[in-house]
Amino acid sequence: MLILKNLWNCIVKILKLQRNNSDSNTFEFDEILTEFALQGRVYEVVAKPVVESVLDGYNGTVMAYGQT
């Protein structure tokens, strides 16, 4: 696995080595929230856009998984 990080984004590239060629999957994230992220920042990034869309008449869901 190769992780490239800078101030603006994070790209995770998972390499799959095979006998004849190498294959990989690349994932790019718009935002990275660490364990030090404040609750207000998490809301701004994760929930606020969904809440605003719901107020505009669209359906929306925010799911949280893990310890609370």
PDB file of N, CA and C in Angstrom:
ATOM      1  N   MET A   1       0.852  -1.168   0.000  1.00  0.00           N
ATOM      2  CA  MET A   1       0.000   0.000   0.000  1.00  0.00           C
ATOM      3  C   MET A   1       0.898   1.232   0.000  1.00  0.00           C
ATOM      4  N   LEU A   2       0.526   2.198  -0.787  1.00  0.00           N
ATOM      5  CA  LEU A   2       1.242   3.458  -0.901  1.00  0.00           C
ATOM      6  C   LEU A   2       0.280   4.570  -0.519  1.00  0.00           C
ATOM      7  N   ILE A   3       0.670   5.410   0.426  1.00  0.00           N
ATOM      8  CA  ILE A   3      -0.180   6.515   0.853  1.00  0.00           C
ATOM      9  C   ILE A   3       0.554   7.819   0.577  1.00  0.00           C
ATOM     10  N   LEU A   4      -0.061   8.686  -0.212  1.00  0.00           N
ATOM     11  CA  LEU A   4       0.489  10.000  -0.520  1.00  0.00           C
ATOM     12  C   LEU A   4      -0.385  11.045   0.156  1.00  0.00           C
ATOM     13  N   LYS A   5       0.199  11.845   1.015  1.00  0.00           N
ATOM     14  CA  LYS A   5      -0.579  12.848   1.729  1.00  0.00           C
ATOM     15  C   LYS A   5       0.064  14.216   1.554  1.00  0.00           C
ATOM     16  N   ASN A   6      -0.777  15.218   1.496  1.00  0.00           N
ATOM     17  CA  ASN A   6      -0.306  16.584   1.612  1.00  0.00           C
ATOM     18  C   ASN A   6      -1.373  17.371   2.349  1.00  0.00           C
ATOM     19  N   LEU A   7      -1.268  18.667   2.373  1.00  0.00           N
ATOM     20  CA  LEU A   7      -2.192  19.495   3.137  1.00  0.00           C
ATOM     21  C   LEU A   7      -3.611  19.442   2.590  1.00  0.00           C
ATOM     22  N   TRP A   8      -3.779  19.117   1.318  1.00  0.00           N
ATOM     23  CA  TRP A   8      -5.090  19.224   0.685  1.00  0.00           C
ATOM     24  C   TRP A   8      -5.781  17.893   0.422  1.00  0.00           C
ATOM     25  N   ASN A   9      -5.045  16.816   0.248  1.00  0.00           N
ATOM     26  CA  ASN A   9      -5.712  15.554  -0.046  1.00  0.00           C
ATOM     27  C   ASN A   9      -4.848  14.361   0.330  1.00  0.00           C
ATOM     28  N   CYS A  10      -5.427  13.201   0.197  1.00  0.00           N
ATOM     29  CA  CYS A  10      -4.736  11.945   0.476  1.00  0.00           C
ATOM     30  C   CYS A  10      -5.087  10.966  -0.633  1.00  0.00           C
ATOM     31  N   ILE A  11      -4.103  10.319  -1.168  1.00  0.00           N
ATOM     32  CA  ILE A  11      -4.322   9.295  -2.185  1.00  0.00           C
ATOM     33  C   ILE A  11      -3.767   7.982  -1.636  1.00  0.00           C
ATOM     34  N   VAL A  12      -4.604   6.965  -1.605  1.00  0.00           N
ATOM     35  CA  VAL A  12      -4.188   5.636  -1.162  1.00  0.00           C
ATOM     36  C   VAL A  12      -4.150   4.745  -2.393  1.00  0.00           C
ATOM     37  N   LYS A  13      -3.025   4.151  -2.643  1.00  0.00           N
ATOM     38  CA  LYS A  13      -2.883   3.258  -3.791  1.00  0.00           C
ATOM     39  C   LYS A  13      -2.548   1.868  -3.261  1.00  0.00           C
ATOM     40  N   ILE A  14      -3.426   0.910  -3.546  1.00  0.00           N
ATOM     41  CA  ILE A  14      -3.222  -0.465  -3.113  1.00  0.00           C
ATOM     42  C   ILE A  14      -2.677  -1.245  -4.303  1.00  0.00           C
ATOM     43  N   LEU A  15      -1.485  -1.747  -4.137  1.00  0.00           N
ATOM     44  CA  LEU A  15      -0.818  -2.463  -5.222  1.00  0.00           C
ATOM     45  C   LEU A  15      -1.124  -3.950  -5.122  1.00  0.00           C
ATOM     46  N   LYS A  16      -1.465  -4.546  -6.249  1.00  0.00           N
ATOM     47  CA  LYS A  16      -1.678  -5.989  -6.327  1.00  0.00           C
ATOM     48  C   LYS A  16      -0.603  -6.545  -7.253  1.00  0.00           C
ATOM     49  N   LEU A  17       0.330  -7.234  -6.695  1.00  0.00           N
ATOM     50  CA  LEU A  17       1.411  -7.783  -7.505  1.00  0.00           C
ATOM     51  C   LEU A  17       1.008  -9.156  -8.021  1.00  0.00           C
ATOM     52  N   GLN A  18       1.092  -9.314  -9.315  1.00  0.00           N
ATOM     53  CA  GLN A  18       0.766 -10.585  -9.941  1.00  0.00           C
ATOM     54  C   GLN A  18       1.986 -11.083 -10.691  1.00  0.00           C
ATOM     55  N   ARG A  19       1.916 -12.297 -11.132  1.00  0.00           N
ATOM     56  CA  ARG A  19       3.061 -12.914 -11.775  1.00  0.00           C
ATOM     57  C   ARG A  19       3.463 -12.194 -13.062  1.00  0.00           C
ATOM     58  N   ASN A  20       2.502 -11.879 -13.918  1.00  0.00           N
ATOM     59  CA  ASN A  20       2.828 -11.310 -15.226  1.00  0.00           C
ATOM     60  C   ASN A  20       2.750  -9.788 -15.276  1.00  0.00           C
ATOM     61  N   ASN A  21       1.948  -9.211 -14.407  1.00  0.00           N
ATOM     62  CA  ASN A  21       1.844  -7.749 -14.430  1.00  0.00           C
ATOM     63  C   ASN A  21       1.435  -7.268 -13.045  1.00  0.00           C
ATOM     64  N   SER A  22       1.511  -6.003 -12.860  1.00  0.00           N
ATOM     65  CA  SER A  22       1.086  -5.454 -11.572  1.00  0.00           C
ATOM     66  C   SER A  22      -0.195  -4.660 -11.788  1.00  0.00           C
ATOM     67  N   ASP A  23      -1.134  -4.872 -10.917  1.00  0.00           N
ATOM     68  CA  ASP A  23      -2.421  -4.201 -10.976  1.00  0.00           C
ATOM     69  C   ASP A  23      -2.553  -3.378  -9.705  1.00  0.00           C
ATOM     70  N   SER A  24      -3.324  -2.330  -9.756  1.00  0.00           N
ATOM     71  CA  SER A  24      -3.481  -1.510  -8.557  1.00  0.00           C
ATOM     72  C   SER A  24      -4.837  -0.827  -8.555  1.00  0.00           C
ATOM     73  N   ASN A  25      -5.274  -0.457  -7.383  1.00  0.00           N
ATOM     74  CA  ASN A  25      -6.465   0.367  -7.195  1.00  0.00           C
ATOM     75  C   ASN A  25      -6.023   1.666  -6.551  1.00  0.00           C
ATOM     76  N   THR A  26      -6.545   2.770  -7.022  1.00  0.00           N
ATOM     77  CA  THR A  26      -6.214   4.069  -6.455  1.00  0.00           C
ATOM     78  C   THR A  26      -7.477   4.706  -5.909  1.00  0.00           C
ATOM     79  N   PHE A  27      -7.386   5.222  -4.701  1.00  0.00           N
ATOM     80  CA  PHE A  27      -8.498   5.896  -4.053  1.00  0.00           C
ATOM     81  C   PHE A  27      -8.051   7.300  -3.684  1.00  0.00           C
ATOM     82  N   GLU A  28      -8.856   8.281  -4.022  1.00  0.00           N
ATOM     83  CA  GLU A  28      -8.540   9.669  -3.684  1.00  0.00           C
ATOM     84  C   GLU A  28      -9.652  10.220  -2.805  1.00  0.00           C
ATOM     85  N   PHE A  29      -9.259  10.885  -1.730  1.00  0.00           N
ATOM     86  CA  PHE A  29     -10.203  11.410  -0.757  1.00  0.00           C
ATOM     87  C   PHE A  29     -10.223  12.929  -0.814  1.00  0.00           C
ATOM     88  N   ASP A  30     -11.411  13.509  -0.684  1.00  0.00           N
ATOM     89  CA  ASP A  30     -11.544  14.964  -0.670  1.00  0.00           C
ATOM     90  C   ASP A  30     -11.139  15.559   0.671  1.00  0.00           C
ATOM     91  N   GLU A  31     -11.297  14.805   1.726  1.00  0.00           N
ATOM     92  CA  GLU A  31     -11.034  15.319   3.072  1.00  0.00           C
ATOM     93  C   GLU A  31     -10.509  14.187   3.938  1.00  0.00           C
ATOM     94  N   ILE A  32      -9.604  14.522   4.834  1.00  0.00           N
ATOM     95  CA  ILE A  32      -9.070  13.562   5.788  1.00  0.00           C
ATOM     96  C   ILE A  32      -9.360  14.092   7.180  1.00  0.00           C
ATOM     97  N   LEU A  33     -10.051  13.305   7.970  1.00  0.00           N
ATOM     98  CA  LEU A  33     -10.347  13.679   9.348  1.00  0.00           C
ATOM     99  C   LEU A  33      -9.618  12.706  10.261  1.00  0.00           C
ATOM    100  N   THR A  34      -8.712  13.226  11.054  1.00  0.00           N
ATOM    101  CA  THR A  34      -7.965  12.376  11.974  1.00  0.00           C
ATOM    102  C   THR A  34      -8.695  12.290  13.302  1.00  0.00           C
ATOM    103  N   GLU A  35      -8.110  11.553  14.226  1.00  0.00           N
ATOM    104  CA  GLU A  35      -8.703  11.442  15.553  1.00  0.00           C
ATOM    105  C   GLU A  35      -8.674  12.764  16.315  1.00  0.00           C
ATOM    106  N   PHE A  36      -7.953  13.740  15.803  1.00  0.00           N
ATOM    107  CA  PHE A  36      -7.869  15.042  16.452  1.00  0.00           C
ATOM    108  C   PHE A  36      -8.865  16.055  15.884  1.00  0.00           C
ATOM    109  N   ALA A  37      -9.653  15.647  14.909  1.00  0.00           N
ATOM    110  CA  ALA A  37     -10.632  16.554  14.294  1.00  0.00           C
ATOM    111  C   ALA A  37     -11.687  16.949  15.319  1.00  0.00           C
ATOM    112  N   LEU A  38     -12.003  18.220  15.355  1.00  0.00           N
ATOM    113  CA  LEU A  38     -13.019  18.716  16.282  1.00  0.00           C
ATOM    114  C   LEU A  38     -14.414  18.399  15.752  1.00  0.00           C
ATOM    115  N   GLN A  39     -15.362  18.287  16.657  1.00  0.00           N
ATOM    116  CA  GLN A  39     -16.729  17.925  16.294  1.00  0.00           C
ATOM    117  C   GLN A  39     -17.314  18.904  15.277  1.00  0.00           C
ATOM    118  N   GLY A  40     -17.046  20.180  15.445  1.00  0.00           N
ATOM    119  CA  GLY A  40     -17.550  21.175  14.507  1.00  0.00           C
ATOM    120  C   GLY A  40     -17.016  20.965  13.101  1.00  0.00           C
ATOM    121  N   ARG A  41     -15.743  20.601  12.989  1.00  0.00           N
ATOM    122  CA  ARG A  41     -15.133  20.355  11.676  1.00  0.00           C
ATOM    123  C   ARG A  41     -15.741  19.107  11.025  1.00  0.00           C
ATOM    124  N   VAL A  42     -15.962  18.068  11.827  1.00  0.00           N
ATOM    125  CA  VAL A  42     -16.581  16.848  11.304  1.00  0.00           C
ATOM    126  C   VAL A  42     -17.970  17.165  10.768  1.00  0.00           C
ATOM    127  N   TYR A  43     -18.740  17.953  11.510  1.00  0.00           N
ATOM    128  CA  TYR A  43     -20.077  18.334  11.049  1.00  0.00           C
ATOM    129  C   TYR A  43     -19.993  19.115   9.740  1.00  0.00           C
ATOM    130  N   GLU A  44     -19.092  20.094   9.667  1.00  0.00           N
ATOM    131  CA  GLU A  44     -18.957  20.923   8.463  1.00  0.00           C
ATOM    132  C   GLU A  44     -18.656  20.076   7.227  1.00  0.00           C
ATOM    133  N   VAL A  45     -17.806  19.088   7.378  1.00  0.00           N
ATOM    134  CA  VAL A  45     -17.368  18.282   6.241  1.00  0.00           C
ATOM    135  C   VAL A  45     -18.369  17.181   5.897  1.00  0.00           C
ATOM    136  N   VAL A  46     -18.920  16.522   6.911  1.00  0.00           N
ATOM    137  CA  VAL A  46     -19.715  15.319   6.680  1.00  0.00           C
ATOM    138  C   VAL A  46     -21.207  15.607   6.601  1.00  0.00           C
ATOM    139  N   ALA A  47     -21.745  16.269   7.601  1.00  0.00           N
ATOM    140  CA  ALA A  47     -23.200  16.369   7.723  1.00  0.00           C
ATOM    141  C   ALA A  47     -23.800  17.631   7.113  1.00  0.00           C
ATOM    142  N   LYS A  48     -23.118  18.739   7.202  1.00  0.00           N
ATOM    143  CA  LYS A  48     -23.703  20.006   6.759  1.00  0.00           C
ATOM    144  C   LYS A  48     -24.168  19.977   5.303  1.00  0.00           C
ATOM    145  N   PRO A  49     -23.364  19.478   4.356  1.00  0.00           N
ATOM    146  CA  PRO A  49     -23.848  19.436   2.969  1.00  0.00           C
ATOM    147  C   PRO A  49     -25.109  18.588   2.812  1.00  0.00           C
ATOM    148  N   VAL A  50     -25.210  17.510   3.575  1.00  0.00           N
ATOM    149  CA  VAL A  50     -26.396  16.654   3.501  1.00  0.00           C
ATOM    150  C   VAL A  50     -27.598  17.377   4.083  1.00  0.00           C
ATOM    151  N   VAL A  51     -27.417  18.022   5.229  1.00  0.00           N
ATOM    152  CA  VAL A  51     -28.512  18.763   5.866  1.00  0.00           C
ATOM    153  C   VAL A  51     -29.007  19.873   4.944  1.00  0.00           C
ATOM    154  N   GLU A  52     -28.088  20.592   4.312  1.00  0.00           N
ATOM    155  CA  GLU A  52     -28.488  21.664   3.397  1.00  0.00           C
ATOM    156  C   GLU A  52     -29.265  21.106   2.202  1.00  0.00           C
ATOM    157  N   SER A  53     -28.861  19.951   1.698  1.00  0.00           N
ATOM    158  CA  SER A  53     -29.593  19.329   0.590  1.00  0.00           C
ATOM    159  C   SER A  53     -30.988  18.901   1.016  1.00  0.00           C
ATOM    160  N   VAL A  54     -31.113  18.369   2.235  1.00  0.00           N
ATOM    161  CA  VAL A  54     -32.429  17.974   2.754  1.00  0.00           C
ATOM    162  C   VAL A  54     -33.336  19.191   2.858  1.00  0.00           C
ATOM    163  N   LEU A  55     -32.788  20.304   3.316  1.00  0.00           N
ATOM    164  CA  LEU A  55     -33.583  21.529   3.424  1.00  0.00           C
ATOM    165  C   LEU A  55     -34.004  22.055   2.053  1.00  0.00           C
ATOM    166  N   ASP A  56     -33.264  21.667   1.013  1.00  0.00           N
ATOM    167  CA  ASP A  56     -33.625  22.040  -0.357  1.00  0.00           C
ATOM    168  C   ASP A  56     -34.587  21.043  -0.998  1.00  0.00           C
ATOM    169  N   GLY A  57     -34.991  20.008  -0.246  1.00  0.00           N
ATOM    170  CA  GLY A  57     -35.977  19.066  -0.747  1.00  0.00           C
ATOM    171  C   GLY A  57     -35.452  17.719  -1.197  1.00  0.00           C
ATOM    172  N   TYR A  58     -34.162  17.492  -1.069  1.00  0.00           N
ATOM    173  CA  TYR A  58     -33.587  16.210  -1.475  1.00  0.00           C
ATOM    174  C   TYR A  58     -33.569  15.245  -0.294  1.00  0.00           C
ATOM    175  N   ASN A  59     -33.453  13.957  -0.589  1.00  0.00           N
ATOM    176  CA  ASN A  59     -33.286  12.955   0.460  1.00  0.00           C
ATOM    177  C   ASN A  59     -31.827  12.932   0.891  1.00  0.00           C
ATOM    178  N   GLY A  60     -31.592  12.606   2.142  1.00  0.00           N
ATOM    179  CA  GLY A  60     -30.223  12.534   2.629  1.00  0.00           C
ATOM    180  C   GLY A  60     -30.107  11.623   3.828  1.00  0.00           C
ATOM    181  N   THR A  61     -28.948  11.004   3.968  1.00  0.00           N
ATOM    182  CA  THR A  61     -28.667  10.126   5.097  1.00  0.00           C
ATOM    183  C   THR A  61     -27.234  10.345   5.546  1.00  0.00           C
ATOM    184  N   VAL A  62     -27.041  10.443   6.837  1.00  0.00           N
ATOM    185  CA  VAL A  62     -25.705  10.478   7.427  1.00  0.00           C
ATOM    186  C   VAL A  62     -25.631   9.299   8.383  1.00  0.00           C
ATOM    187  N   MET A  63     -24.683   8.415   8.147  1.00  0.00           N
ATOM    188  CA  MET A  63     -24.518   7.244   9.012  1.00  0.00           C
ATOM    189  C   MET A  63     -23.190   7.347   9.740  1.00  0.00           C
ATOM    190  N   ALA A  64     -23.195   7.003  11.008  1.00  0.00           N
ATOM    191  CA  ALA A  64     -21.966   6.971  11.801  1.00  0.00           C
ATOM    192  C   ALA A  64     -21.749   5.546  12.282  1.00  0.00           C
ATOM    193  N   TYR A  65     -20.526   5.095  12.197  1.00  0.00           N
ATOM    194  CA  TYR A  65     -20.204   3.739  12.614  1.00  0.00           C
ATOM    195  C   TYR A  65     -18.977   3.795  13.505  1.00  0.00           C
ATOM    196  N   GLY A  66     -19.027   3.099  14.599  1.00  0.00           N
ATOM    197  CA  GLY A  66     -17.875   3.043  15.488  1.00  0.00           C
ATOM    198  C   GLY A  66     -18.215   3.589  16.853  1.00  0.00           C
ATOM    199  N   GLN A  67     -17.191   3.802  17.631  1.00  0.00           N
ATOM    200  CA  GLN A  67     -17.393   4.276  18.994  1.00  0.00           C
ATOM    201  C   GLN A  67     -17.889   5.708  18.988  1.00  0.00           C
ATOM    202  N   THR A  68     -18.770   5.991  19.926  1.00  0.00           N
ATOM    203  CA  THR A  68     -19.278   7.358  20.064  1.00  0.00           C
ATOM    204  C   THR A  68     -19.086   7.847  21.474  1.00  0.00           C
TER     205      THR A  68
END
